[in-house]
């Protein structure tokens, strides 16, 4: 009996490779997004601390104008960095959406080929079983041929 060989095996392997690449890319982009979220949290925390320091420096008593100006400048820098991170997150959100679409398409392409492979294998098994049944019938007929010729 001949072995089953799927004629689109190389296409299936290529599509599986593409599917894995899509998954890896999505994982990398999600990790980048997580990193940006953590960065944004740190910036927010730093901003909060600087604003707290500004409040403490602005209390009645000895007001240090240079320290207040430095804190305000630094808060402005932090806010600029936060806006940049937010912009990067919007870009990454678009990339995630595109990656998910590509991943869905790649999964569908793989499923189609896997289903085709299953169907071809079922046809192959059916043909093998028919061939085996036919050979058994011929063998039986050959061994009992003398009975029918009498």
C-alpha atoms as a PDB file:
ATOM      1  CA  UNK A   1       0.000   0.000   0.000  1.00  0.00           C
ATOM      2  CA  UNK A   2       1.383   3.395  -0.934  1.00  0.00           C
ATOM      3  CA  UNK A   3       1.946   5.919   1.829  1.00  0.00           C
ATOM      4  CA  UNK A   4      -0.285   8.984   1.999  1.00  0.00           C
ATOM      5  CA  UNK A   5       1.449  12.083   0.680  1.00  0.00           C
ATOM      6  CA  UNK A   6      -0.376  15.414   0.804  1.00  0.00           C
ATOM      7  CA  UNK A   7       0.478  17.257  -2.390  1.00  0.00           C
ATOM      8  CA  UNK A   8       0.174  20.686  -0.709  1.00  0.00           C
ATOM      9  CA  UNK A   9       2.383  19.812   2.266  1.00  0.00           C
ATOM     10  CA  UNK A  10       4.952  22.484   1.410  1.00  0.00           C
ATOM     11  CA  UNK A  11       2.202  25.123   1.182  1.00  0.00           C
ATOM     12  CA  UNK A  12       0.849  23.990   4.546  1.00  0.00           C
ATOM     13  CA  UNK A  13       4.312  24.199   6.111  1.00  0.00           C
ATOM     14  CA  UNK A  14       4.785  27.704   4.686  1.00  0.00           C
ATOM     15  CA  UNK A  15       1.425  28.840   6.022  1.00  0.00           C
ATOM     16  CA  UNK A  16       2.196  27.343   9.433  1.00  0.00           C
ATOM     17  CA  UNK A  17       5.489  29.242   9.386  1.00  0.00           C
ATOM     18  CA  UNK A  18       3.656  32.480   8.525  1.00  0.00           C
ATOM     19  CA  UNK A  19       1.151  31.811  11.298  1.00  0.00           C
ATOM     20  CA  UNK A  20       3.991  31.370  13.788  1.00  0.00           C
ATOM     21  CA  UNK A  21       5.622  34.576  12.551  1.00  0.00           C
ATOM     22  CA  UNK A  22       2.341  36.472  13.035  1.00  0.00           C
ATOM     23  CA  UNK A  23       2.038  35.104  16.557  1.00  0.00           C
ATOM     24  CA  UNK A  24       5.613  36.068  17.384  1.00  0.00           C
ATOM     25  CA  UNK A  25       5.164  39.568  15.979  1.00  0.00           C
ATOM     26  CA  UNK A  26       1.938  40.067  17.931  1.00  0.00           C
ATOM     27  CA  UNK A  27       3.641  38.880  21.116  1.00  0.00           C
ATOM     28  CA  UNK A  28       6.521  41.293  20.530  1.00  0.00           C
ATOM     29  CA  UNK A  29       4.165  44.219  19.877  1.00  0.00           C
ATOM     30  CA  UNK A  30       2.117  43.379  22.970  1.00  0.00           C
ATOM     31  CA  UNK A  31       5.347  43.291  25.003  1.00  0.00           C
ATOM     32  CA  UNK A  32       6.287  46.700  23.595  1.00  0.00           C
ATOM     33  CA  UNK A  33       2.852  48.014  24.562  1.00  0.00           C
ATOM     34  CA  UNK A  34       3.269  46.639  28.067  1.00  0.00           C
ATOM     35  CA  UNK A  35       6.657  48.339  28.304  1.00  0.00           C
ATOM     36  CA  UNK A  36       5.078  51.642  27.252  1.00  0.00           C
ATOM     37  CA  UNK A  37       2.329  51.221  29.849  1.00  0.00           C
ATOM     38  CA  UNK A  38       4.947  50.698  32.547  1.00  0.00           C
ATOM     39  CA  UNK A  39       6.912  53.708  31.278  1.00  0.00           C
ATOM     40  CA  UNK A  40       3.747  55.840  31.354  1.00  0.00           C
ATOM     41  CA  UNK A  41       3.082  54.758  34.943  1.00  0.00           C
ATOM     42  CA  UNK A  42       6.594  55.738  35.966  1.00  0.00           C
ATOM     43  CA  UNK A  43       6.244  59.111  34.280  1.00  0.00           C
ATOM     44  CA  UNK A  44       2.878  59.675  35.954  1.00  0.00           C
ATOM     45  CA  UNK A  45       4.353  58.754  39.313  1.00  0.00           C
ATOM     46  CA  UNK A  46       7.299  61.106  38.742  1.00  0.00           C
ATOM     47  CA  UNK A  47       4.936  63.903  37.733  1.00  0.00           C
ATOM     48  CA  UNK A  48       2.828  63.343  40.833  1.00  0.00           C
ATOM     49  CA  UNK A  49       5.916  63.499  43.056  1.00  0.00           C
ATOM     50  CA  UNK A  50       7.134  66.691  41.393  1.00  0.00           C
ATOM     51  CA  UNK A  51       3.733  68.353  41.797  1.00  0.00           C
ATOM     52  CA  UNK A  52       3.745  67.311  45.452  1.00  0.00           C
ATOM     53  CA  UNK A  53       7.175  68.892  45.835  1.00  0.00           C
ATOM     54  CA  UNK A  54       5.874  72.050  44.135  1.00  0.00           C
ATOM     55  CA  UNK A  55       3.070  72.278  46.668  1.00  0.00           C
ATOM     56  CA  UNK A  56       5.525  71.868  49.525  1.00  0.00           C
ATOM     57  CA  UNK A  57       7.882  74.490  48.063  1.00  0.00           C
ATOM     58  CA  UNK A  58       5.022  76.989  47.608  1.00  0.00           C
ATOM     59  CA  UNK A  59       3.984  76.995  51.264  1.00  0.00           C
ATOM     60  CA  UNK A  60       4.405  80.178  53.268  1.00  0.00           C
ATOM     61  CA  UNK A  61       7.858  80.674  54.615  1.00  0.00           C
ATOM     62  CA  UNK A  62      11.002  80.589  52.583  1.00  0.00           C
ATOM     63  CA  UNK A  63       9.975  80.284  48.905  1.00  0.00           C
ATOM     64  CA  UNK A  64      12.746  78.956  46.672  1.00  0.00           C
ATOM     65  CA  UNK A  65      11.902  80.391  43.253  1.00  0.00           C
ATOM     66  CA  UNK A  66      14.700  78.520  41.477  1.00  0.00           C
ATOM     67  CA  UNK A  67      13.561  75.165  42.912  1.00  0.00           C
ATOM     68  CA  UNK A  68       9.951  75.894  41.942  1.00  0.00           C
ATOM     69  CA  UNK A  69      10.997  76.864  38.407  1.00  0.00           C
ATOM     70  CA  UNK A  70      13.126  73.732  38.123  1.00  0.00           C
ATOM     71  CA  UNK A  71      10.239  71.534  39.293  1.00  0.00           C
ATOM     72  CA  UNK A  72       7.800  73.189  36.864  1.00  0.00           C
ATOM     73  CA  UNK A  73      10.242  72.729  34.016  1.00  0.00           C
ATOM     74  CA  UNK A  74      10.723  69.079  34.937  1.00  0.00           C
ATOM     75  CA  UNK A  75       6.934  68.545  35.179  1.00  0.00           C
ATOM     76  CA  UNK A  76       6.646  70.035  31.685  1.00  0.00           C
ATOM     77  CA  UNK A  77       9.318  67.633  30.447  1.00  0.00           C
ATOM     78  CA  UNK A  78       7.506  64.694  32.040  1.00  0.00           C
ATOM     79  CA  UNK A  79       4.213  65.749  30.448  1.00  0.00           C
ATOM     80  CA  UNK A  80       5.914  65.945  27.053  1.00  0.00           C
ATOM     81  CA  UNK A  81       7.331  62.462  27.531  1.00  0.00           C
ATOM     82  CA  UNK A  82       3.896  61.209  28.616  1.00  0.00           C
ATOM     83  CA  UNK A  83       2.338  62.608  25.439  1.00  0.00           C
ATOM     84  CA  UNK A  84       5.025  60.914  23.375  1.00  0.00           C
ATOM     85  CA  UNK A  85       4.322  57.587  25.108  1.00  0.00           C
ATOM     86  CA  UNK A  86       0.587  58.019  24.519  1.00  0.00           C
ATOM     87  CA  UNK A  87       1.259  58.665  20.828  1.00  0.00           C
ATOM     88  CA  UNK A  88       3.453  55.566  20.643  1.00  0.00           C
ATOM     89  CA  UNK A  89       0.684  53.537  22.294  1.00  0.00           C
ATOM     90  CA  UNK A  90      -1.816  54.738  19.670  1.00  0.00           C
ATOM     91  CA  UNK A  91       0.576  53.654  16.922  1.00  0.00           C
ATOM     92  CA  UNK A  92       1.096  50.305  18.620  1.00  0.00           C
ATOM     93  CA  UNK A  93      -2.680  49.869  19.018  1.00  0.00           C
ATOM     94  CA  UNK A  94      -2.999  50.183  15.229  1.00  0.00           C
ATOM     95  CA  UNK A  95      -0.182  47.670  14.774  1.00  0.00           C
ATOM     96  CA  UNK A  96      -1.883  45.278  17.177  1.00  0.00           C
ATOM     97  CA  UNK A  97      -5.123  45.568  15.231  1.00  0.00           C
ATOM     98  CA  UNK A  98      -3.362  44.889  11.924  1.00  0.00           C
ATOM     99  CA  UNK A  99      -1.446  41.984  13.469  1.00  0.00           C
ATOM    100  CA  UNK A 100      -4.618  40.429  14.810  1.00  0.00           C
ATOM    101  CA  UNK A 101      -6.246  40.665  11.382  1.00  0.00           C
ATOM    102  CA  UNK A 102      -3.200  39.056   9.772  1.00  0.00           C
ATOM    103  CA  UNK A 103      -3.162  36.376  12.474  1.00  0.00           C
ATOM    104  CA  UNK A 104      -6.840  35.602  11.908  1.00  0.00           C
ATOM    105  CA  UNK A 105      -6.274  35.334   8.161  1.00  0.00           C
ATOM    106  CA  UNK A 106      -3.211  33.117   8.657  1.00  0.00           C
ATOM    107  CA  UNK A 107      -5.171  30.843  11.002  1.00  0.00           C
ATOM    108  CA  UNK A 108      -7.976  30.549   8.453  1.00  0.00           C
ATOM    109  CA  UNK A 109      -5.521  29.700   5.683  1.00  0.00           C
ATOM    110  CA  UNK A 110      -3.943  26.986   7.815  1.00  0.00           C
ATOM    111  CA  UNK A 111      -7.340  25.563   8.789  1.00  0.00           C
ATOM    112  CA  UNK A 112      -8.387  25.380   5.136  1.00  0.00           C
ATOM    113  CA  UNK A 113      -5.278  23.417   4.210  1.00  0.00           C
ATOM    114  CA  UNK A 114      -5.550  21.163   7.250  1.00  0.00           C
ATOM    115  CA  UNK A 115      -9.166  20.392   6.353  1.00  0.00           C
ATOM    116  CA  UNK A 116      -8.116  19.693   2.771  1.00  0.00           C
ATOM    117  CA  UNK A 117      -5.385  17.386   4.066  1.00  0.00           C
ATOM    118  CA  UNK A 118      -7.916  15.535   6.226  1.00  0.00           C
ATOM    119  CA  UNK A 119     -10.244  15.135   3.245  1.00  0.00           C
ATOM    120  CA  UNK A 120      -7.434  13.878   1.016  1.00  0.00           C
ATOM    121  CA  UNK A 121      -6.345  11.454   3.731  1.00  0.00           C
ATOM    122  CA  UNK A 122      -9.914  10.163   4.105  1.00  0.00           C
ATOM    123  CA  UNK A 123     -10.113   9.664   0.327  1.00  0.00           C
ATOM    124  CA  UNK A 124      -6.759   7.882   0.391  1.00  0.00           C
ATOM    125  CA  UNK A 125      -7.901   5.555   3.198  1.00  0.00           C
ATOM    126  CA  UNK A 126     -11.173   4.848   1.392  1.00  0.00           C
ATOM    127  CA  UNK A 127      -9.302   4.004  -1.815  1.00  0.00           C
ATOM    128  CA  UNK A 128      -6.896   1.762   0.142  1.00  0.00           C
ATOM    129  CA  UNK A 129      -9.783  -0.046   1.817  1.00  0.00           C
ATOM    130  CA  UNK A 130     -11.538  -0.556  -1.513  1.00  0.00           C
ATOM    131  CA  UNK A 131      -8.337  -1.869  -3.036  1.00  0.00           C
ATOM    132  CA  UNK A 132      -7.802  -4.239  -0.104  1.00  0.00           C
ATOM    133  CA  UNK A 133     -11.416  -5.424  -0.285  1.00  0.00           C
ATOM    134  CA  UNK A 134     -11.097  -5.977  -4.014  1.00  0.00           C
ATOM    135  CA  UNK A 135      -7.889  -7.965  -3.524  1.00  0.00           C
ATOM    136  CA  UNK A 136      -9.567 -10.115  -0.863  1.00  0.00           C
ATOM    137  CA  UNK A 137     -12.511 -10.751  -3.176  1.00  0.00           C
ATOM    138  CA  UNK A 138     -10.181 -11.722  -6.020  1.00  0.00           C
ATOM    139  CA  UNK A 139      -8.222 -13.981  -3.688  1.00  0.00           C
ATOM    140  CA  UNK A 140     -11.405 -15.627  -2.448  1.00  0.00           C
ATOM    141  CA  UNK A 141     -12.711 -16.014  -6.002  1.00  0.00           C
ATOM    142  CA  UNK A 142      -9.415 -17.561  -7.096  1.00  0.00           C
ATOM    143  CA  UNK A 143      -9.414 -20.040  -4.229  1.00  0.00           C
ATOM    144  CA  UNK A 144     -13.058 -20.978  -4.806  1.00  0.00           C
ATOM    145  CA  UNK A 145     -13.029 -20.842  -8.596  1.00  0.00           C
ATOM    146  CA  UNK A 146     -13.106 -24.646  -8.873  1.00  0.00           C
ATOM    147  CA  UNK A 147     -16.381 -24.723  -6.960  1.00  0.00           C
ATOM    148  CA  UNK A 148     -18.060 -22.439  -9.484  1.00  0.00           C
ATOM    149  CA  UNK A 149     -16.764 -24.252 -12.581  1.00  0.00           C
ATOM    150  CA  UNK A 150     -18.365 -27.585 -11.691  1.00  0.00           C
END
